Amino acid sequence: MPTDSKRKIWQTPWRYAEAITIVGSLLLIGFMLQIVIGEFNFYLLAKPANYILAGVITFLCIVLGLFSKKSRFANWLSGVEMSVALIVALLLLTIIMGLTPQATHSHSLLGFDAMTSSWAFVIIYSLTLLSLGTLTVRRLRAFRLKDYGFYLNHIGLWLLLLCSGLGYSDMERYIMYVREGETEWRVYDDQNNVKELPIAITLNDFDMDYYPPKLAIIDMENGEVLPNDKPEYFQIDNDMPQGEVNGWHIVMEKYIHQAVRNSDSTYQEVFMPGATPAVKVHATKDNITRSGWICGGNQAQLYMTLPLDDQTSLVMTVAEPRKFMSDVVVYTQSEKNISDRIEVNKPLSVDNWTIYQYGYDNNAGRLSSYSSFELVYDPWVTPVYIGIIMMMLGAMSMVWTGKGRKGVEDDME
């Protein structure tokens, strides 16, 4: 047999040249399909089509893996050369996706703005599933207990790729608006038709917390923050109770995060939905002294400012929300009643549904009469989580034993 330096392309056994050529050709075919027929429609793979396809892919991986010794193609498909070519292709597509703003549907010729729906990505993703699955079955055929880290890692990755891809078409997303004290199970679909869901939410209470607001000096004629060229603000902070704003020296005497007016010009701390931040300050400039309470106000309370002279006034800016949360009870068709608090980045998961805190009445703030939730239904989420856990366990075991790489190298020789 001639050496690799003299071998011709497509001469068996296939190596990097053939792998790069095939993967590159598939990318080119994918881009051509994108131009001719547009993006890939994942919803064609909705149940039961995705279950059938999952079975076909699994069957092919098992057959190719079991007969890899007799089949040069199966041996090459699951070999190092093909793996490297596929990883490079996926990395290239991922870089393009990271550098291009992504949208739900592609509006570009090659589909770079919706990469996961492009034909190039789908083709490389499918071939990666076959390659990874064949390699895993090939290694399981010669099972060795000491390679458990490799098995966990590769089976977990294959399960993650398979279920996250094929499960996309079965995912459902809705926005549900629930008024305080009421129960809701209806949403609007993409065509603005009312749809009843097999899950209901009762909103017991909505609440939110704010960051301490800022103080600013405004021109009372036009409401602009001074100075005009570079507006200045005083951040309310108990650890830094004084500062300079537009030439005025501001000293904070008292700050109440949840305050209610108890007279024409004073405030007291009261924990209630209509409470709002209020601060008592002392302002001086050129022997002129002004002092009093300032409040940003809300729908329940009037704002209060501190006039400094005939043209300017010290005011409180709108406080920015720190977090908002909803105390809810969730009911499911499986007769589960779950009481919990849903916050931003703290969703609630039940029966393949994940419920996220989505929004509220921005104008009302803490006095919002409703809370909105994003409901995501994903029946494939459990195997995805299982795959992630298996990958983590496999990676930790391979690092711990230090034998993962050696096992792979032995198998490829």
Protein backbone atom coordinates (compact mmCIF):
# COMPACT_ATOMS: atom_id res chain seq x y z
CA MET A 1 0.00 0.00 0.00
CA PRO A 2 1.43 3.40 -0.88
CA THR A 3 2.28 5.88 1.86
CA ASP A 4 -0.10 8.73 2.76
CA SER A 5 2.17 11.22 0.99
CA LYS A 6 1.61 9.42 -2.34
CA ARG A 7 -1.97 8.26 -1.91
CA LYS A 8 -4.68 9.62 -4.19
CA ILE A 9 -7.92 11.08 -2.96
CA TRP A 10 -10.80 8.56 -2.61
CA GLN A 11 -8.27 5.78 -2.25
CA THR A 12 -9.23 3.65 0.74
CA PRO A 13 -8.87 3.99 3.62
CA TRP A 14 -10.36 7.49 3.51
CA ARG A 15 -8.59 10.19 5.53
CA TYR A 16 -8.86 13.93 6.14
CA ALA A 17 -9.00 14.88 2.46
CA GLU A 18 -12.15 12.86 1.86
CA ALA A 19 -13.73 14.04 5.15
CA ILE A 20 -13.08 17.71 4.38
CA THR A 21 -14.31 17.30 0.81
CA ILE A 22 -17.56 15.60 1.82
CA VAL A 23 -18.33 17.99 4.69
CA GLY A 24 -17.49 21.00 2.52
CA SER A 25 -19.69 19.68 -0.28
CA LEU A 26 -22.57 19.16 2.14
CA LEU A 27 -22.20 22.74 3.36
CA LEU A 28 -22.31 23.93 -0.24
CA ILE A 29 -25.42 21.83 -0.92
CA GLY A 30 -27.02 23.28 2.19
CA PHE A 31 -26.37 26.86 1.08
CA MET A 32 -27.76 26.06 -2.38
CA LEU A 33 -30.93 24.58 -0.88
CA GLN A 34 -31.26 27.69 1.27
CA ILE A 35 -31.12 29.90 -1.81
CA VAL A 36 -33.53 27.77 -3.86
CA ILE A 37 -36.24 26.73 -1.35
CA GLY A 38 -35.60 28.89 1.71
CA GLU A 39 -35.06 27.88 5.33
CA PHE A 40 -35.74 24.43 6.73
CA ASN A 41 -39.19 24.12 8.30
CA PHE A 42 -38.74 22.29 11.60
CA TYR A 43 -42.49 22.08 12.09
CA LEU A 44 -42.58 19.42 9.38
CA LEU A 45 -40.99 17.23 12.06
CA ALA A 46 -43.83 17.67 14.55
CA LYS A 47 -45.13 14.58 16.34
CA PRO A 48 -45.20 11.81 15.20
CA ALA A 49 -42.66 12.58 12.45
CA ASN A 50 -39.91 13.45 14.94
CA TYR A 51 -40.44 10.20 16.85
CA ILE A 52 -40.18 8.22 13.62
CA LEU A 53 -37.04 10.10 12.59
CA ALA A 54 -35.50 9.57 16.02
CA GLY A 55 -36.13 5.85 15.63
CA VAL A 56 -34.59 5.82 12.14
CA ILE A 57 -31.47 7.69 13.30
CA THR A 58 -31.08 5.36 16.29
CA PHE A 59 -31.49 2.30 14.07
CA LEU A 60 -28.89 3.54 11.58
CA CYS A 61 -26.42 4.31 14.36
CA ILE A 62 -26.85 0.81 15.81
CA VAL A 63 -26.48 -0.93 12.44
CA LEU A 64 -23.45 1.13 11.39
CA GLY A 65 -21.84 0.72 14.80
CA LEU A 66 -22.34 -3.03 14.94
CA PHE A 67 -20.95 -3.57 11.44
CA SER A 68 -18.16 -0.99 11.58
CA LYS A 69 -15.50 -3.75 11.49
CA LYS A 70 -16.86 -5.06 8.19
CA SER A 71 -17.80 -1.69 6.74
CA ARG A 72 -15.00 0.72 5.85
CA PHE A 73 -17.58 3.47 5.43
CA ALA A 74 -18.98 3.00 8.95
CA ASN A 75 -15.45 2.84 10.35
CA TRP A 76 -14.52 6.08 8.57
CA LEU A 77 -17.82 7.80 9.46
CA SER A 78 -17.09 7.29 13.17
CA GLY A 79 -13.36 7.95 12.87
CA VAL A 80 -11.19 10.84 13.99
CA GLU A 81 -10.94 12.43 10.53
CA MET A 82 -14.71 12.76 10.08
CA SER A 83 -15.17 13.93 13.65
CA VAL A 84 -12.62 16.70 13.21
CA ALA A 85 -14.18 17.84 9.92
CA LEU A 86 -17.67 17.96 11.47
CA ILE A 87 -16.43 19.83 14.54
CA VAL A 88 -14.71 22.42 12.34
CA ALA A 89 -17.90 22.84 10.25
CA LEU A 90 -20.07 23.24 13.35
CA LEU A 91 -17.56 25.68 14.82
CA LEU A 92 -17.61 27.73 11.61
CA LEU A 93 -21.42 27.87 11.58
CA THR A 94 -21.48 28.74 15.29
CA ILE A 95 -19.03 31.61 14.78
CA ILE A 96 -21.20 32.96 11.94
CA MET A 97 -24.26 32.63 14.19
CA GLY A 98 -22.48 34.49 16.99
CA LEU A 99 -21.45 37.34 14.72
CA THR A 100 -24.86 37.70 13.06
CA PRO A 101 -27.99 38.93 14.89
CA GLN A 102 -30.40 36.00 14.95
CA ALA A 103 -34.12 36.16 14.13
CA THR A 104 -37.01 33.70 14.26
CA HIS A 105 -37.11 33.47 10.46
CA SER A 106 -34.31 34.06 7.98
CA HIS A 107 -34.30 37.14 5.78
CA SER A 108 -30.83 36.64 4.32
CA LEU A 109 -29.86 34.69 1.21
CA LEU A 110 -27.73 32.06 2.98
CA GLY A 111 -29.71 31.93 6.22
CA PHE A 112 -26.99 33.38 8.45
CA ASP A 113 -29.57 35.36 10.48
CA ALA A 114 -31.46 32.17 11.47
CA MET A 115 -28.63 29.67 11.51
CA THR A 116 -30.34 26.81 13.34
CA SER A 117 -33.06 26.80 10.65
CA SER A 118 -30.62 26.88 7.73
CA TRP A 119 -30.16 23.82 5.55
CA ALA A 120 -26.38 23.88 6.02
CA PHE A 121 -26.74 23.62 9.79
CA VAL A 122 -29.43 20.92 9.60
CA ILE A 123 -27.35 18.75 7.26
CA ILE A 124 -24.16 19.01 9.35
CA TYR A 125 -26.17 18.48 12.54
CA SER A 126 -27.76 15.31 11.11
CA LEU A 127 -24.41 13.92 9.96
CA THR A 128 -22.94 14.69 13.38
CA LEU A 129 -25.70 12.64 15.01
CA LEU A 130 -24.92 9.68 12.76
CA SER A 131 -21.18 9.95 13.31
CA LEU A 132 -21.41 10.36 17.08
CA GLY A 133 -24.04 7.63 17.44
CA THR A 134 -22.04 5.18 15.30
CA LEU A 135 -18.89 5.85 17.33
CA THR A 136 -20.76 5.30 20.60
CA VAL A 137 -22.26 1.98 19.47
CA ARG A 138 -18.88 0.96 18.07
CA ARG A 139 -17.27 1.51 21.47
CA LEU A 140 -20.14 -0.21 23.32
CA ARG A 141 -19.67 -3.26 21.10
CA ALA A 142 -16.28 -3.77 22.76
CA PHE A 143 -17.53 -2.75 26.21
CA ARG A 144 -14.94 -2.01 28.89
CA LEU A 145 -16.04 -0.93 32.34
CA LYS A 146 -13.06 1.39 32.73
CA ASP A 147 -14.34 3.46 29.78
CA TYR A 148 -17.56 4.40 31.59
CA GLY A 149 -16.60 8.07 31.44
CA PHE A 150 -16.44 7.94 27.64
CA TYR A 151 -19.81 6.19 27.44
CA LEU A 152 -21.52 8.71 29.73
CA ASN A 153 -20.01 11.68 27.89
CA HIS A 154 -20.81 10.52 24.35
CA ILE A 155 -24.25 9.03 25.04
CA GLY A 156 -25.18 12.21 26.93
CA LEU A 157 -24.00 14.44 24.06
CA TRP A 158 -25.82 12.33 21.47
CA LEU A 159 -29.02 12.37 23.56
CA LEU A 160 -28.75 16.14 24.01
CA LEU A 161 -28.27 16.79 20.29
CA LEU A 162 -31.03 14.38 19.24
CA CYS A 163 -33.73 15.57 21.64
CA SER A 164 -32.98 19.29 21.50
CA GLY A 165 -33.10 19.22 17.70
CA LEU A 166 -36.07 16.93 17.07
CA GLY A 167 -37.97 18.32 20.04
CA TYR A 168 -37.96 21.87 18.68
CA SER A 169 -41.04 21.31 16.53
CA ASP A 170 -43.06 20.14 19.54
CA MET A 171 -42.26 23.20 21.64
CA GLU A 172 -45.10 25.64 22.33
CA ARG A 173 -44.76 29.20 23.67
CA TYR A 174 -47.54 31.39 24.97
CA ILE A 175 -47.95 34.62 26.93
CA MET A 176 -50.65 34.47 29.61
CA TYR A 177 -52.02 37.56 31.38
CA VAL A 178 -53.46 36.89 34.84
CA ARG A 179 -55.21 39.49 36.98
CA GLU A 180 -54.62 39.55 40.72
CA GLY A 181 -57.09 37.31 42.54
CA GLU A 182 -58.20 35.56 39.34
CA THR A 183 -57.48 32.23 37.62
CA GLU A 184 -56.56 32.04 33.95
CA TRP A 185 -56.02 29.14 31.55
CA ARG A 186 -56.63 30.89 28.20
CA VAL A 187 -54.04 32.38 25.86
CA TYR A 188 -53.84 33.69 22.31
CA ASP A 189 -52.05 31.70 19.62
CA ASP A 190 -50.07 33.14 16.68
CA GLN A 191 -53.32 33.83 14.79
CA ASN A 192 -54.81 35.68 17.80
CA ASN A 193 -57.29 32.88 18.41
CA VAL A 194 -58.20 32.03 21.99
CA LYS A 195 -56.73 28.71 23.08
CA GLU A 196 -57.42 26.81 26.28
CA LEU A 197 -54.36 25.21 27.89
CA PRO A 198 -54.19 22.12 30.10
CA ILE A 199 -52.63 24.31 32.79
CA ALA A 200 -54.09 27.18 34.83
CA ILE A 201 -52.58 29.92 36.99
CA THR A 202 -54.09 31.79 39.92
CA LEU A 203 -52.34 35.05 40.80
CA ASN A 204 -52.54 35.64 44.54
CA ASP A 205 -50.26 38.67 44.66
CA PHE A 206 -47.85 40.68 42.52
CA ASP A 207 -45.02 42.65 44.07
CA MET A 208 -41.77 44.26 43.05
CA ASP A 209 -38.72 45.94 44.52
CA TYR A 210 -36.79 48.94 43.24
CA TYR A 211 -33.24 50.14 43.25
CA PRO A 212 -32.81 53.41 45.18
CA PRO A 213 -33.63 56.21 42.71
CA LYS A 214 -31.51 59.23 41.77
CA LEU A 215 -31.91 62.96 42.29
CA ALA A 216 -31.50 65.52 39.52
CA ILE A 217 -31.90 69.23 39.00
CA ILE A 218 -34.27 70.16 36.18
CA ASP A 219 -35.18 73.32 34.33
CA MET A 220 -38.81 73.89 35.35
CA GLU A 221 -39.58 75.50 31.99
CA ASN A 222 -38.75 72.53 29.77
CA GLY A 223 -38.15 69.69 32.26
CA GLU A 224 -34.62 68.98 31.01
CA VAL A 225 -31.98 67.70 33.41
CA LEU A 226 -29.16 70.16 34.05
CA PRO A 227 -26.56 70.89 32.92
CA ASN A 228 -27.88 70.48 29.38
CA ASP A 229 -24.60 69.35 27.82
CA LYS A 230 -23.85 66.74 30.49
CA PRO A 231 -26.72 65.97 32.90
CA GLU A 232 -25.67 65.21 36.47
CA TYR A 233 -27.36 62.87 38.94
CA PHE A 234 -27.06 62.17 42.66
CA GLN A 235 -27.39 58.47 43.45
CA ILE A 236 -29.24 57.95 46.71
CA ASP A 237 -26.98 55.78 48.87
CA ASN A 238 -26.90 55.60 52.68
CA ASP A 239 -23.17 54.90 52.52
CA MET A 240 -22.57 58.11 50.51
CA PRO A 241 -25.08 60.63 51.89
CA GLN A 242 -23.73 63.74 50.12
CA GLY A 243 -22.53 64.94 46.74
CA GLU A 244 -22.51 67.72 44.13
CA VAL A 245 -25.18 68.25 41.44
CA ASN A 246 -24.98 71.19 39.04
CA GLY A 247 -23.14 73.32 41.62
CA TRP A 248 -25.48 72.45 44.50
CA HIS A 249 -24.15 70.53 47.52
CA ILE A 250 -26.67 67.83 48.40
CA VAL A 251 -26.79 66.21 51.85
CA MET A 252 -29.20 63.32 52.38
CA GLU A 253 -30.78 63.50 55.85
CA LYS A 254 -33.21 60.57 55.66
CA TYR A 255 -34.23 58.03 53.03
CA ILE A 256 -37.34 55.82 53.18
CA HIS A 257 -37.52 53.10 50.53
CA GLN A 258 -41.24 52.46 51.04
CA ALA A 259 -42.83 55.69 52.17
CA VAL A 260 -46.34 57.08 52.42
CA ARG A 261 -47.14 60.77 52.91
CA ASN A 262 -48.53 61.43 56.40
CA SER A 263 -48.92 65.23 56.04
CA ASP A 264 -48.58 67.90 53.38
CA SER A 265 -44.77 67.78 53.51
CA THR A 266 -43.62 64.72 55.51
CA TYR A 267 -43.41 60.97 54.95
CA GLN A 268 -43.31 57.85 57.09
CA GLU A 269 -42.35 54.25 56.39
CA VAL A 270 -45.32 52.04 55.52
CA PHE A 271 -45.06 48.64 53.81
CA MET A 272 -47.94 48.63 51.36
CA PRO A 273 -48.40 48.37 47.56
CA GLY A 274 -48.84 52.13 47.16
CA ALA A 275 -45.59 53.00 48.97
CA THR A 276 -42.88 54.83 47.05
CA PRO A 277 -39.30 56.01 47.74
CA ALA A 278 -38.94 59.38 49.50
CA VAL A 279 -35.88 61.28 50.71
CA LYS A 280 -35.30 64.34 52.89
CA VAL A 281 -32.36 66.44 51.70
CA HIS A 282 -30.46 69.62 52.49
CA ALA A 283 -29.20 71.59 49.47
CA THR A 284 -26.82 74.58 49.60
CA LYS A 285 -25.24 76.87 47.01
CA ASP A 286 -23.73 80.36 47.38
CA ASN A 287 -25.20 80.84 50.88
CA ILE A 288 -28.62 79.72 49.62
CA THR A 289 -30.12 76.83 51.57
CA ARG A 290 -33.07 74.64 50.66
CA SER A 291 -34.35 71.60 52.55
CA GLY A 292 -37.36 69.32 52.39
CA TRP A 293 -38.80 66.01 51.23
CA ILE A 294 -38.65 64.76 47.63
CA CYS A 295 -40.77 61.93 46.25
CA GLY A 296 -41.09 60.45 42.78
CA GLY A 297 -44.73 59.52 43.31
CA ASN A 298 -46.82 56.81 41.65
CA GLN A 299 -50.46 56.13 40.81
CA ALA A 300 -51.35 56.18 44.52
CA GLN A 301 -49.31 59.22 45.60
CA LEU A 302 -48.47 62.61 44.15
CA TYR A 303 -44.85 63.45 43.46
CA MET A 304 -43.04 66.09 45.51
CA THR A 305 -40.14 68.28 44.35
CA LEU A 306 -37.85 70.76 46.10
CA PRO A 307 -37.73 74.18 44.34
CA LEU A 308 -34.21 75.64 44.42
CA ASP A 309 -34.89 78.99 42.71
CA ASP A 310 -37.27 80.47 40.16
CA GLN A 311 -35.90 78.36 37.30
CA THR A 312 -34.73 75.04 38.81
CA SER A 313 -36.02 72.31 41.05
CA LEU A 314 -34.56 69.18 42.65
CA VAL A 315 -36.54 66.10 41.65
CA MET A 316 -36.44 62.32 42.02
CA THR A 317 -36.03 60.16 38.92
CA VAL A 318 -38.16 57.08 38.25
CA ALA A 319 -36.82 54.17 40.30
CA GLU A 320 -35.61 51.21 38.25
CA PRO A 321 -37.09 47.78 39.12
CA ARG A 322 -34.68 45.45 40.91
CA LYS A 323 -36.96 42.42 40.75
CA PHE A 324 -40.62 41.62 40.34
CA MET A 325 -42.37 38.48 41.47
CA SER A 326 -45.73 36.74 41.50
CA ASP A 327 -47.22 34.51 44.18
CA VAL A 328 -49.19 31.92 42.21
CA VAL A 329 -50.98 28.62 42.38
CA VAL A 330 -50.56 26.40 39.30
CA TYR A 331 -53.12 23.73 38.44
CA THR A 332 -52.47 20.91 35.93
CA GLN A 333 -54.53 18.17 34.31
CA SER A 334 -52.55 15.66 36.36
CA GLU A 335 -54.30 17.20 39.41
CA LYS A 336 -51.20 18.96 40.73
CA ASN A 337 -51.75 22.15 42.73
CA ILE A 338 -48.43 23.94 43.21
CA SER A 339 -48.09 27.14 45.23
CA ASP A 340 -44.89 29.02 44.50
CA ARG A 341 -43.31 32.41 43.83
CA ILE A 342 -42.19 33.04 40.25
CA GLU A 343 -39.47 35.63 39.71
CA VAL A 344 -37.32 36.75 36.80
CA ASN A 345 -34.67 34.02 36.28
CA LYS A 346 -36.55 31.82 38.78
CA PRO A 347 -39.17 29.97 36.69
CA LEU A 348 -41.48 27.18 37.80
CA SER A 349 -41.38 23.78 36.04
CA VAL A 350 -44.26 21.31 36.12
CA ASP A 351 -45.36 18.52 33.73
CA ASN A 352 -43.09 19.58 30.84
CA TRP A 353 -44.25 23.20 31.26
CA THR A 354 -41.85 25.95 32.31
CA ILE A 355 -43.47 29.16 33.54
CA TYR A 356 -41.42 32.37 33.44
CA GLN A 357 -42.21 35.78 34.93
CA TYR A 358 -42.66 37.87 31.80
CA GLY A 359 -43.99 41.32 32.63
CA TYR A 360 -46.52 43.61 34.32
CA ASP A 361 -48.19 46.99 33.87
CA ASN A 362 -45.13 49.23 33.52
CA ASN A 363 -47.11 52.39 34.19
CA ALA A 364 -48.59 51.06 37.45
CA GLY A 365 -45.39 49.46 38.77
CA ARG A 366 -46.04 47.84 42.14
CA LEU A 367 -49.70 48.70 41.74
CA SER A 368 -49.99 46.55 38.61
CA SER A 369 -53.33 44.72 38.61
CA TYR A 370 -51.99 41.86 36.52
CA SER A 371 -48.88 39.81 35.87
CA SER A 372 -47.88 38.22 32.58
CA PHE A 373 -46.18 34.86 32.24
CA GLU A 374 -44.39 33.09 29.41
CA LEU A 375 -45.39 29.42 29.28
CA VAL A 376 -43.09 27.05 27.40
CA TYR A 377 -44.17 23.48 26.73
CA ASP A 378 -41.34 21.10 25.84
CA PRO A 379 -42.10 17.34 26.09
CA TRP A 380 -38.47 16.57 25.17
CA VAL A 381 -36.94 18.56 28.00
CA THR A 382 -36.47 15.56 30.34
CA PRO A 383 -34.15 13.56 28.01
CA VAL A 384 -32.29 16.82 27.27
CA TYR A 385 -31.61 17.27 30.99
CA ILE A 386 -30.63 13.61 31.27
CA GLY A 387 -28.14 14.10 28.44
CA ILE A 388 -26.63 17.17 30.13
CA ILE A 389 -26.27 15.31 33.44
CA MET A 390 -24.64 12.33 31.70
CA MET A 391 -22.19 14.66 29.93
CA MET A 392 -21.25 16.32 33.21
CA LEU A 393 -20.76 12.99 34.96
CA GLY A 394 -18.76 11.64 32.03
CA ALA A 395 -16.51 14.69 31.85
CA MET A 396 -15.84 14.60 35.60
CA SER A 397 -15.07 10.87 35.54
CA MET A 398 -12.72 11.22 32.55
CA VAL A 399 -10.84 14.03 34.29
CA TRP A 400 -10.78 12.09 37.54
CA THR A 401 -9.45 8.84 36.07
CA GLY A 402 -7.27 10.42 33.38
CA LYS A 403 -7.96 7.46 31.15
CA GLY A 404 -10.62 8.85 28.82
CA ARG A 405 -8.22 10.08 26.15
CA LYS A 406 -6.12 6.94 26.23
CA GLY A 407 -9.21 4.78 25.76
CA VAL A 408 -10.26 6.74 22.69
CA GLU A 409 -6.78 6.64 21.21
CA ASP A 410 -6.57 2.87 21.75
CA ASP A 411 -9.87 2.36 19.95
CA MET A 412 -8.83 4.49 16.96
CA GLU A 413 -5.57 2.70 16.40
